[in-house]
N, C-alpha and C. Protein backbone atom coordinates (compact mmCIF):
# COMPACT_ATOMS: atom_id res chain seq x y z
N MET A 1 -16.04 -66.44 -35.13
CA MET A 1 -15.88 -66.79 -33.94
C MET A 1 -14.43 -66.64 -34.00
N ILE A 2 -13.79 -67.03 -34.95
CA ILE A 2 -12.21 -67.45 -34.83
C ILE A 2 -11.42 -66.11 -34.33
N ARG A 3 -12.15 -65.03 -35.30
CA ARG A 3 -11.62 -63.61 -34.91
C ARG A 3 -11.60 -63.20 -33.53
N ALA A 4 -12.72 -63.44 -33.24
CA ALA A 4 -12.88 -62.83 -31.28
C ALA A 4 -11.85 -63.77 -30.48
N ASP A 5 -11.70 -65.36 -30.67
CA ASP A 5 -10.72 -65.84 -29.81
C ASP A 5 -9.53 -64.85 -30.11
N LEU A 6 -9.05 -64.97 -31.42
CA LEU A 6 -7.67 -64.37 -31.36
C LEU A 6 -7.41 -63.14 -30.99
N ARG A 7 -8.62 -61.97 -31.16
CA ARG A 7 -8.78 -60.71 -30.50
C ARG A 7 -8.56 -61.30 -29.21
N ARG A 8 -9.04 -61.48 -28.31
CA ARG A 8 -9.53 -62.19 -26.98
C ARG A 8 -7.76 -62.49 -26.45
N ARG A 9 -7.17 -63.44 -27.35
CA ARG A 9 -6.11 -63.70 -27.02
C ARG A 9 -4.73 -62.51 -27.37
N GLY A 10 -5.23 -61.67 -28.21
CA GLY A 10 -4.52 -60.50 -28.39
C GLY A 10 -4.18 -59.93 -27.06
N ASP A 11 -6.02 -59.51 -26.78
CA ASP A 11 -5.82 -58.44 -25.88
C ASP A 11 -4.91 -59.11 -24.58
N THR A 12 -5.28 -60.36 -24.10
CA THR A 12 -4.47 -60.79 -22.73
C THR A 12 -2.84 -60.77 -23.46
N ALA A 13 -2.16 -60.95 -24.26
CA ALA A 13 -1.05 -60.62 -24.61
C ALA A 13 -0.93 -59.44 -24.26
N SER A 14 -1.37 -58.21 -24.77
CA SER A 14 -1.37 -56.93 -24.50
C SER A 14 -1.42 -56.91 -23.35
N ARG A 15 -2.30 -56.66 -22.76
CA ARG A 15 -2.31 -56.57 -21.13
C ARG A 15 -1.40 -57.34 -20.32
N ARG A 16 -0.81 -58.38 -20.57
CA ARG A 16 0.39 -59.03 -19.98
C ARG A 16 1.62 -58.26 -20.16
N THR A 17 1.95 -57.46 -21.38
CA THR A 17 3.12 -56.87 -21.82
C THR A 17 3.01 -55.42 -21.25
N ARG A 18 1.73 -54.87 -20.93
CA ARG A 18 1.55 -53.88 -20.33
C ARG A 18 1.99 -53.87 -18.68
N VAL A 19 1.78 -54.83 -18.09
CA VAL A 19 2.17 -55.21 -16.79
C VAL A 19 3.51 -55.65 -16.67
N TYR A 20 4.08 -56.60 -17.91
CA TYR A 20 5.93 -56.59 -16.93
C TYR A 20 6.26 -55.03 -17.37
N LEU A 21 5.95 -54.17 -18.96
CA LEU A 21 6.43 -53.35 -19.07
C LEU A 21 6.44 -52.39 -17.65
N ARG A 22 5.39 -52.28 -16.70
CA ARG A 22 5.27 -51.68 -15.75
C ARG A 22 6.01 -51.70 -14.58
N ALA A 23 5.96 -53.30 -14.71
CA ALA A 23 7.05 -53.80 -13.31
C ALA A 23 8.45 -53.67 -13.42
N PHE A 24 8.51 -53.62 -15.19
CA PHE A 24 10.07 -53.27 -15.51
C PHE A 24 10.42 -51.98 -15.23
N VAL A 25 9.71 -51.09 -15.51
CA VAL A 25 9.65 -49.48 -15.61
C VAL A 25 9.90 -49.03 -13.82
N LEU A 26 8.67 -49.49 -13.34
CA LEU A 26 8.78 -49.33 -11.27
C LEU A 26 10.18 -50.13 -10.63
N SER A 27 10.53 -50.96 -11.29
CA SER A 27 11.80 -51.70 -10.72
C SER A 27 12.57 -50.86 -10.85
N GLY A 28 12.91 -50.53 -12.19
CA GLY A 28 13.95 -49.67 -12.55
C GLY A 28 14.12 -48.24 -11.99
N LEU A 29 12.91 -47.75 -11.70
CA LEU A 29 12.67 -46.45 -10.87
C LEU A 29 13.28 -46.83 -9.24
N VAL A 30 12.85 -47.74 -8.81
CA VAL A 30 13.28 -47.99 -7.15
C VAL A 30 14.78 -48.21 -6.94
N PHE A 31 15.27 -48.91 -8.02
CA PHE A 31 16.76 -49.40 -7.95
C PHE A 31 17.83 -48.70 -8.65
N GLY A 32 17.22 -47.50 -9.22
CA GLY A 32 17.88 -46.80 -10.39
C GLY A 32 17.80 -45.25 -9.43
N VAL A 33 17.27 -44.81 -8.14
CA VAL A 33 17.01 -43.89 -7.69
C VAL A 33 18.70 -44.05 -6.58
N PRO A 34 18.96 -43.19 -6.36
CA PRO A 34 20.31 -43.04 -5.02
C PRO A 34 20.08 -43.42 -3.97
N LYS A 35 20.56 -44.37 -3.17
CA LYS A 35 20.43 -44.45 -1.15
C LYS A 35 19.95 -43.25 -0.74
N LEU A 36 20.87 -42.09 -1.17
CA LEU A 36 20.79 -40.86 -0.54
C LEU A 36 19.71 -40.02 -0.04
N ALA A 37 18.74 -40.39 -1.84
CA ALA A 37 17.60 -39.69 -2.06
C ALA A 37 16.25 -40.65 -1.18
N LEU A 38 16.61 -41.94 -0.55
CA LEU A 38 15.41 -42.51 -0.20
C LEU A 38 15.70 -42.21 1.78
N ALA A 39 16.85 -41.75 2.18
CA ALA A 39 17.16 -41.79 3.70
C ALA A 39 16.63 -40.16 4.20
N CYS A 40 15.95 -40.26 5.55
CA CYS A 40 15.82 -39.11 6.11
C CYS A 40 16.99 -38.49 6.49
N PRO A 41 17.16 -36.79 6.61
CA PRO A 41 17.98 -36.36 6.87
C PRO A 41 18.68 -36.41 7.86
N VAL A 42 17.65 -36.68 8.96
CA VAL A 42 18.20 -36.99 10.34
C VAL A 42 18.94 -38.30 10.70
N CYS A 43 18.60 -39.38 9.39
CA CYS A 43 19.50 -40.68 9.89
C CYS A 43 20.73 -40.34 9.64
N PHE A 44 21.37 -39.34 8.73
CA PHE A 44 22.62 -39.36 8.70
C PHE A 44 23.57 -38.37 9.65
N GLY A 45 22.58 -37.35 10.39
CA GLY A 45 23.18 -36.67 11.39
C GLY A 45 23.71 -37.30 12.83
N ASN A 46 24.05 -36.63 14.02
CA ASN A 46 24.21 -36.87 15.10
C ASN A 46 22.67 -36.99 15.67
N SER A 47 23.05 -38.35 16.80
CA SER A 47 22.09 -38.46 17.24
C SER A 47 21.24 -37.54 18.37
N ASP A 48 21.88 -36.82 18.60
CA ASP A 48 22.19 -35.97 19.82
C ASP A 48 21.61 -34.66 18.75
N ALA A 49 21.56 -34.45 17.83
CA ALA A 49 21.50 -32.61 17.48
C ALA A 49 19.86 -32.25 17.91
N PRO A 50 19.71 -31.23 18.01
CA PRO A 50 18.55 -30.93 17.67
C PRO A 50 17.05 -31.24 16.90
N MET A 51 17.87 -31.46 15.54
CA MET A 51 17.07 -32.11 14.94
C MET A 51 16.35 -33.61 15.17
N ALA A 52 17.30 -34.58 15.76
CA ALA A 52 16.50 -35.52 16.20
C ALA A 52 15.76 -35.86 17.39
N VAL A 53 16.07 -34.82 18.22
CA VAL A 53 15.67 -34.90 19.21
C VAL A 53 14.18 -34.05 19.09
N ALA A 54 14.14 -33.06 18.36
CA ALA A 54 12.82 -32.69 17.85
C ALA A 54 11.77 -33.87 17.21
N THR A 55 12.52 -34.99 16.18
CA THR A 55 11.99 -35.33 15.67
C THR A 55 11.45 -36.50 16.67
N ASN A 56 11.96 -36.96 17.37
CA ASN A 56 11.92 -37.61 18.73
C ASN A 56 10.55 -37.16 19.62
N THR A 57 10.75 -36.15 19.58
CA THR A 57 9.35 -35.51 20.50
C THR A 57 8.46 -35.35 19.27
N GLY A 58 8.26 -35.33 18.58
CA GLY A 58 7.03 -34.97 17.60
C GLY A 58 6.66 -36.54 17.47
N ILE A 59 7.36 -37.44 17.32
CA ILE A 59 7.27 -38.82 17.41
C ILE A 59 6.15 -39.26 18.46
N LEU A 60 6.51 -38.98 20.08
CA LEU A 60 5.96 -39.16 21.22
C LEU A 60 4.90 -38.39 21.31
N PHE A 61 5.02 -37.20 20.69
CA PHE A 61 3.20 -36.55 20.84
C PHE A 61 2.45 -36.89 19.56
N MET A 62 2.84 -37.50 18.78
CA MET A 62 1.72 -38.10 17.91
C MET A 62 1.59 -39.41 18.44
N LEU A 63 2.38 -40.21 19.00
CA LEU A 63 1.95 -41.60 19.76
C LEU A 63 1.04 -41.24 21.09
N GLY A 64 1.30 -40.10 21.74
CA GLY A 64 0.13 -39.80 23.07
C GLY A 64 -1.15 -39.18 22.28
N VAL A 65 -1.02 -38.93 21.38
CA VAL A 65 -2.28 -38.31 20.76
C VAL A 65 -3.08 -39.36 20.10
N VAL A 66 -2.78 -40.45 19.73
CA VAL A 66 -3.39 -41.78 19.44
C VAL A 66 -3.81 -42.44 20.67
N VAL A 67 -2.89 -42.52 21.48
CA VAL A 67 -3.35 -43.24 22.71
C VAL A 67 -4.52 -42.39 23.54
N VAL A 68 -4.49 -41.07 23.42
CA VAL A 68 -5.65 -39.74 24.31
C VAL A 68 -7.14 -40.55 23.80
N MET A 69 -6.80 -40.34 22.08
CA MET A 69 -8.06 -40.82 21.11
C MET A 69 -8.86 -42.14 21.36
N LEU A 70 -7.73 -43.04 21.36
CA LEU A 70 -8.54 -44.43 21.83
C LEU A 70 -8.69 -44.66 23.01
N SER A 71 -8.62 -44.35 23.80
CA SER A 71 -8.72 -44.08 25.44
C SER A 71 -9.88 -43.17 25.41
N ALA A 72 -10.67 -42.36 24.85
CA ALA A 72 -11.46 -41.52 24.44
C ALA A 72 -12.66 -42.23 23.93
N PHE A 73 -12.68 -42.92 22.75
CA PHE A 73 -13.54 -43.81 22.12
C PHE A 73 -13.50 -45.38 23.18
N ALA A 74 -12.85 -45.46 23.95
CA ALA A 74 -13.04 -47.00 24.66
C ALA A 74 -14.13 -46.25 26.02
N SER A 75 -13.62 -44.94 26.29
CA SER A 75 -14.28 -44.73 27.61
C SER A 75 -15.65 -44.56 26.90
N PHE A 76 -16.07 -43.94 25.90
CA PHE A 76 -17.23 -43.44 25.76
C PHE A 76 -18.38 -44.89 25.40
N PHE A 77 -17.62 -45.92 24.82
CA PHE A 77 -18.64 -47.29 24.56
C PHE A 77 -18.64 -47.67 25.98
N ILE A 78 -17.41 -47.62 27.08
CA ILE A 78 -17.98 -48.05 28.38
C ILE A 78 -19.12 -47.50 29.25
N TYR A 79 -19.23 -46.38 29.00
CA TYR A 79 -20.31 -45.04 29.39
C TYR A 79 -21.33 -45.61 28.68
N LEU A 80 -21.57 -45.90 27.29
CA LEU A 80 -22.74 -46.37 26.83
C LEU A 80 -23.02 -47.46 27.35
N ILE A 81 -22.23 -48.40 27.89
CA ILE A 81 -22.78 -50.00 27.89
C ILE A 81 -23.28 -49.98 29.27
N ARG A 82 -22.46 -49.24 30.14
CA ARG A 82 -22.82 -48.70 31.89
C ARG A 82 -24.62 -48.13 31.52
N ARG A 83 -24.76 -47.39 31.08
CA ARG A 83 -25.95 -46.46 30.63
C ARG A 83 -27.20 -47.56 30.55
N ALA A 84 -26.62 -48.53 29.43
CA ALA A 84 -27.49 -49.38 28.92
C ALA A 84 -28.07 -50.18 30.07
N ASN A 85 -26.81 -50.60 30.72
CA ASN A 85 -27.22 -51.54 31.94
C ASN A 85 -27.72 -51.21 32.96
N ARG A 86 -27.84 -49.91 33.30
CA ARG A 86 -28.58 -49.09 34.89
C ARG A 86 -30.20 -48.74 34.07
N LEU A 87 -30.32 -48.37 32.51
CA LEU A 87 -31.62 -48.59 31.96
C LEU A 87 -32.28 -49.60 32.09
N ALA A 88 -31.98 -50.80 32.02
CA ALA A 88 -32.27 -52.24 31.81
C ALA A 88 -32.55 -52.68 33.37
N ALA A 89 -31.92 -52.06 34.44
CA ALA A 89 -32.05 -52.42 35.62
C ALA A 89 -33.25 -51.82 36.24
N GLU A 90 -33.54 -50.31 35.88
CA GLU A 90 -34.43 -49.70 36.37
C GLU A 90 -35.71 -50.31 35.32
N THR A 91 -35.44 -50.38 34.25
CA THR A 91 -36.85 -50.85 34.05
C THR A 91 -37.26 -52.17 34.54
N ALA A 92 -36.31 -53.36 34.64
CA ALA A 92 -36.63 -54.14 34.94
C ALA A 92 -37.06 -54.07 36.73
N ARG A 93 -36.88 -53.23 37.45
CA ARG A 93 -37.48 -52.94 38.87
C ARG A 93 -39.00 -52.39 38.88
N LEU A 94 -38.71 -51.87 37.45
CA LEU A 94 -39.86 -50.90 37.52
C LEU A 94 -41.13 -51.97 37.29
N ASP A 95 -40.86 -52.90 36.46
CA ASP A 95 -41.92 -54.07 36.26
C ASP A 95 -42.11 -55.14 36.62
N ALA A 96 -40.77 -55.46 38.09
CA ALA A 96 -41.22 -56.21 38.67
C ALA A 96 -42.46 -55.84 40.20
N GLY A 97 -41.84 -54.52 40.37
CA GLY A 97 -42.77 -53.91 41.43
C GLY A 97 -44.14 -53.06 41.07
N GLY A 98 -44.01 -53.09 40.03
CA GLY A 98 -45.41 -52.47 39.76
C GLY A 98 -45.14 -51.20 39.31
N LEU A 99 -45.21 -50.47 40.37
CA LEU A 99 -44.95 -48.99 40.50
C LEU A 99 -43.80 -48.62 41.42
N ALA A 100 -43.34 -47.36 41.03
CA ALA A 100 -41.76 -46.75 41.51
C ALA A 100 -42.32 -46.69 43.20
N PRO A 101 -41.19 -46.51 43.78
CA PRO A 101 -41.89 -46.40 45.51
C PRO A 101 -42.20 -44.57 45.27
N SER A 102 -41.89 -43.70 44.60
CA SER A 102 -42.19 -42.49 44.79
C SER A 102 -43.50 -42.11 43.86
N GLU A 103 -44.07 -43.26 43.42
CA GLU A 103 -45.38 -43.07 42.50
C GLU A 103 -46.25 -43.47 43.22
N GLY A 104 -47.29 -42.12 43.24
CA GLY A 104 -48.89 -42.69 43.81
C GLY A 104 -49.08 -42.77 45.21
N THR A 105 -48.04 -42.37 46.16
CA THR A 105 -47.88 -42.32 47.56
C THR A 105 -47.21 -40.97 47.74
N ALA A 106 -47.96 -40.37 49.01
CA ALA A 106 -47.66 -39.01 49.39
C ALA A 106 -46.53 -39.49 50.28
N GLN A 107 -45.78 -38.75 50.31
CA GLN A 107 -44.45 -38.64 51.25
C GLN A 107 -44.07 -37.42 51.93
């Protein structure tokens, strides 16, 4: 029983040491990398350069795709809600009137 307690304490200390070591190595990598390697090439250039204009155009295109997809998703659910309401109204009308006007009568 005493050995089990010592073993558990050792595992906890070993695990804690590994966590601290990982944090130390990761922080060393983050702070050791030169800042030039972390920035994109467009950030250092002229804002009117073709690369910057192309990047902005790409961003606007991707935002447009997101807006179109969200609009399509919302319109699909609006369609489903309207369809369910129309079906419920038609079912209620048929239940209330017995027969539909075109059923059972010669016109």
